[in-house]
Amino acid sequence: MSATFDLKALRASFDPAACAEASPPVHPGEILREEFMVPLGLSAGQVAKALGLPRSRIERIVREEIGISTDTALRLAKLFGTTPQLWTNLQASFERETLLAEIGPELERITPVPRTA
């Protein structure tokens, strides 16, 4: 016998905001490490040398201690054949989500300026 379910009820119970809150924001260093460096067998020193940057900068990014600057995003894009926007968007998204968690209650107290017709 096949199981039945109410698709409409299932959709109504899905709260995208709650799902987003359930997982922490992804740091761009995690993406660099897990999606690029590990699969390609690259060390922080190798990436830094290819980018013309200090090894400590790449190490700190992949340890998620610092973010990715526009300068680094441009270099990473060239090295890995991506776009600079990939890296800057990852950074902006991480910062936005992290900050929203911190100042969300303050934002709730802000009254939007009414639009005039």
C-alpha atoms as a PDB file:
ATOM      1  CA  MET A   1       0.000   0.000   0.000  1.00  0.00           C
ATOM      2  CA  SER A   2       1.397   3.416  -0.891  1.00  0.00           C
ATOM      3  CA  ALA A   3       1.615   6.197   1.642  1.00  0.00           C
ATOM      4  CA  THR A   4      -0.333   9.378   0.955  1.00  0.00           C
ATOM      5  CA  PHE A   5       0.407  12.846   2.147  1.00  0.00           C
ATOM      6  CA  ASP A   6      -1.128  16.263   1.872  1.00  0.00           C
ATOM      7  CA  LEU A   7       1.182  18.296  -0.368  1.00  0.00           C
ATOM      8  CA  LYS A   8      -0.624  21.539   0.437  1.00  0.00           C
ATOM      9  CA  ALA A   9      -0.178  20.987   4.192  1.00  0.00           C
ATOM     10  CA  LEU A  10       3.457  20.065   3.674  1.00  0.00           C
ATOM     11  CA  ARG A  11       4.089  23.263   1.720  1.00  0.00           C
ATOM     12  CA  ALA A  12       2.277  25.331   4.360  1.00  0.00           C
ATOM     13  CA  SER A  13       4.472  23.861   7.104  1.00  0.00           C
ATOM     14  CA  PHE A  14       7.672  24.761   5.270  1.00  0.00           C
ATOM     15  CA  ASP A  15       9.166  27.978   6.609  1.00  0.00           C
ATOM     16  CA  PRO A  16      12.163  29.076   4.493  1.00  0.00           C
ATOM     17  CA  ALA A  17      13.230  31.568   7.163  1.00  0.00           C
ATOM     18  CA  ALA A  18      13.363  28.854   9.801  1.00  0.00           C
ATOM     19  CA  CYS A  19      15.430  26.645   7.515  1.00  0.00           C
ATOM     20  CA  ALA A  20      17.870  29.468   6.850  1.00  0.00           C
ATOM     21  CA  GLU A  21      18.253  30.078  10.575  1.00  0.00           C
ATOM     22  CA  ALA A  22      18.938  26.400  11.216  1.00  0.00           C
ATOM     23  CA  SER A  23      22.304  26.423   9.477  1.00  0.00           C
ATOM     24  CA  PRO A  24      25.062  28.932  10.130  1.00  0.00           C
ATOM     25  CA  PRO A  25      26.265  31.127   7.274  1.00  0.00           C
ATOM     26  CA  VAL A  26      29.008  29.616   5.134  1.00  0.00           C
ATOM     27  CA  HIS A  27      32.341  31.406   5.328  1.00  0.00           C
ATOM     28  CA  PRO A  28      34.019  31.863   1.928  1.00  0.00           C
ATOM     29  CA  GLY A  29      37.152  30.281   3.407  1.00  0.00           C
ATOM     30  CA  GLU A  30      35.223  27.038   3.798  1.00  0.00           C
ATOM     31  CA  ILE A  31      34.325  27.124   0.103  1.00  0.00           C
ATOM     32  CA  LEU A  32      37.912  27.889  -0.862  1.00  0.00           C
ATOM     33  CA  ARG A  33      39.198  25.050   1.295  1.00  0.00           C
ATOM     34  CA  GLU A  34      36.574  22.363   0.655  1.00  0.00           C
ATOM     35  CA  GLU A  35      35.588  23.043  -2.954  1.00  0.00           C
ATOM     36  CA  PHE A  36      38.896  24.132  -4.442  1.00  0.00           C
ATOM     37  CA  MET A  37      42.000  23.436  -2.380  1.00  0.00           C
ATOM     38  CA  VAL A  38      41.201  19.973  -0.988  1.00  0.00           C
ATOM     39  CA  PRO A  39      39.927  18.471  -4.272  1.00  0.00           C
ATOM     40  CA  LEU A  40      42.903  19.884  -6.158  1.00  0.00           C
ATOM     41  CA  GLY A  41      45.399  18.891  -3.456  1.00  0.00           C
ATOM     42  CA  LEU A  42      46.592  22.471  -2.998  1.00  0.00           C
ATOM     43  CA  SER A  43      48.196  23.838   0.135  1.00  0.00           C
ATOM     44  CA  ALA A  44      47.816  27.380   1.393  1.00  0.00           C
ATOM     45  CA  GLY A  45      51.429  27.981   0.405  1.00  0.00           C
ATOM     46  CA  GLN A  46      50.829  26.837  -3.161  1.00  0.00           C
ATOM     47  CA  VAL A  47      47.729  28.989  -3.534  1.00  0.00           C
ATOM     48  CA  ALA A  48      49.457  31.992  -1.973  1.00  0.00           C
ATOM     49  CA  LYS A  49      52.462  31.630  -4.257  1.00  0.00           C
ATOM     50  CA  ALA A  50      50.242  31.373  -7.339  1.00  0.00           C
ATOM     51  CA  LEU A  51      48.330  34.464  -6.241  1.00  0.00           C
ATOM     52  CA  GLY A  52      51.383  36.486  -5.230  1.00  0.00           C
ATOM     53  CA  LEU A  53      50.045  36.844  -1.680  1.00  0.00           C
ATOM     54  CA  PRO A  54      51.424  36.033   1.767  1.00  0.00           C
ATOM     55  CA  ARG A  55      50.796  32.426   2.806  1.00  0.00           C
ATOM     56  CA  SER A  56      49.413  33.689   6.112  1.00  0.00           C
ATOM     57  CA  ARG A  57      46.554  35.447   4.305  1.00  0.00           C
ATOM     58  CA  ILE A  58      45.375  32.243   2.629  1.00  0.00           C
ATOM     59  CA  GLU A  59      45.849  30.288   5.871  1.00  0.00           C
ATOM     60  CA  ARG A  60      43.732  32.802   7.784  1.00  0.00           C
ATOM     61  CA  ILE A  61      41.008  32.753   5.105  1.00  0.00           C
ATOM     62  CA  VAL A  62      40.725  28.960   5.099  1.00  0.00           C
ATOM     63  CA  ARG A  63      40.730  28.932   8.933  1.00  0.00           C
ATOM     64  CA  GLU A  64      37.807  31.375   8.607  1.00  0.00           C
ATOM     65  CA  GLU A  65      39.586  34.063  10.623  1.00  0.00           C
ATOM     66  CA  ILE A  66      39.423  36.758   7.945  1.00  0.00           C
ATOM     67  CA  GLY A  67      37.292  37.441   4.906  1.00  0.00           C
ATOM     68  CA  ILE A  68      38.088  37.671   1.235  1.00  0.00           C
ATOM     69  CA  SER A  69      38.938  41.144  -0.008  1.00  0.00           C
ATOM     70  CA  THR A  70      38.172  42.329  -3.522  1.00  0.00           C
ATOM     71  CA  ASP A  71      41.877  42.050  -4.325  1.00  0.00           C
ATOM     72  CA  THR A  72      41.938  38.420  -3.212  1.00  0.00           C
ATOM     73  CA  ALA A  73      38.642  37.719  -5.017  1.00  0.00           C
ATOM     74  CA  LEU A  74      40.116  38.949  -8.293  1.00  0.00           C
ATOM     75  CA  ARG A  75      43.169  36.751  -7.833  1.00  0.00           C
ATOM     76  CA  LEU A  76      41.172  33.661  -6.814  1.00  0.00           C
ATOM     77  CA  ALA A  77      38.901  34.107  -9.823  1.00  0.00           C
ATOM     78  CA  LYS A  78      41.867  34.154 -12.171  1.00  0.00           C
ATOM     79  CA  LEU A  79      43.507  31.147 -10.506  1.00  0.00           C
ATOM     80  CA  PHE A  80      40.438  28.915 -10.390  1.00  0.00           C
ATOM     81  CA  GLY A  81      38.649  30.120 -13.527  1.00  0.00           C
ATOM     82  CA  THR A  82      35.683  31.538 -11.655  1.00  0.00           C
ATOM     83  CA  THR A  83      34.339  35.058 -11.483  1.00  0.00           C
ATOM     84  CA  PRO A  84      35.351  37.644  -8.910  1.00  0.00           C
ATOM     85  CA  GLN A  85      31.627  37.940  -8.114  1.00  0.00           C
ATOM     86  CA  LEU A  86      31.586  34.369  -6.827  1.00  0.00           C
ATOM     87  CA  TRP A  87      34.063  35.283  -4.094  1.00  0.00           C
ATOM     88  CA  THR A  88      32.713  38.748  -3.318  1.00  0.00           C
ATOM     89  CA  ASN A  89      29.131  37.424  -3.214  1.00  0.00           C
ATOM     90  CA  LEU A  90      30.168  34.637  -0.834  1.00  0.00           C
ATOM     91  CA  GLN A  91      31.844  37.218   1.394  1.00  0.00           C
ATOM     92  CA  ALA A  92      28.924  39.659   1.262  1.00  0.00           C
ATOM     93  CA  SER A  93      26.424  36.894   2.007  1.00  0.00           C
ATOM     94  CA  PHE A  94      28.468  35.677   4.974  1.00  0.00           C
ATOM     95  CA  GLU A  95      28.800  39.193   6.375  1.00  0.00           C
ATOM     96  CA  ARG A  96      25.101  39.967   5.829  1.00  0.00           C
ATOM     97  CA  GLU A  97      23.888  36.784   7.525  1.00  0.00           C
ATOM     98  CA  THR A  98      26.352  37.107  10.402  1.00  0.00           C
ATOM     99  CA  LEU A  99      25.455  40.734  11.007  1.00  0.00           C
ATOM    100  CA  LEU A 100      21.722  40.086  10.673  1.00  0.00           C
ATOM    101  CA  ALA A 101      21.970  37.553  13.489  1.00  0.00           C
ATOM    102  CA  GLU A 102      23.692  40.193  15.626  1.00  0.00           C
ATOM    103  CA  ILE A 103      21.554  43.261  14.915  1.00  0.00           C
ATOM    104  CA  GLY A 104      18.237  41.707  13.868  1.00  0.00           C
ATOM    105  CA  PRO A 105      16.356  42.978  16.944  1.00  0.00           C
ATOM    106  CA  GLU A 106      17.679  46.498  16.336  1.00  0.00           C
ATOM    107  CA  LEU A 107      16.489  46.357  12.727  1.00  0.00           C
ATOM    108  CA  GLU A 108      13.001  45.371  13.902  1.00  0.00           C
ATOM    109  CA  ARG A 109      12.765  48.679  15.785  1.00  0.00           C
ATOM    110  CA  ILE A 110      13.446  50.762  12.659  1.00  0.00           C
ATOM    111  CA  THR A 111      10.350  52.246  11.088  1.00  0.00           C
ATOM    112  CA  PRO A 112      10.623  52.539   7.310  1.00  0.00           C
ATOM    113  CA  VAL A 113      10.144  55.963   5.765  1.00  0.00           C
ATOM    114  CA  PRO A 114       6.745  56.045   4.038  1.00  0.00           C
ATOM    115  CA  ARG A 115       6.864  56.289   0.261  1.00  0.00           C
ATOM    116  CA  THR A 116       5.066  59.217  -1.264  1.00  0.00           C
ATOM    117  CA  ALA A 117       2.980  58.763  -4.359  1.00  0.00           C
END
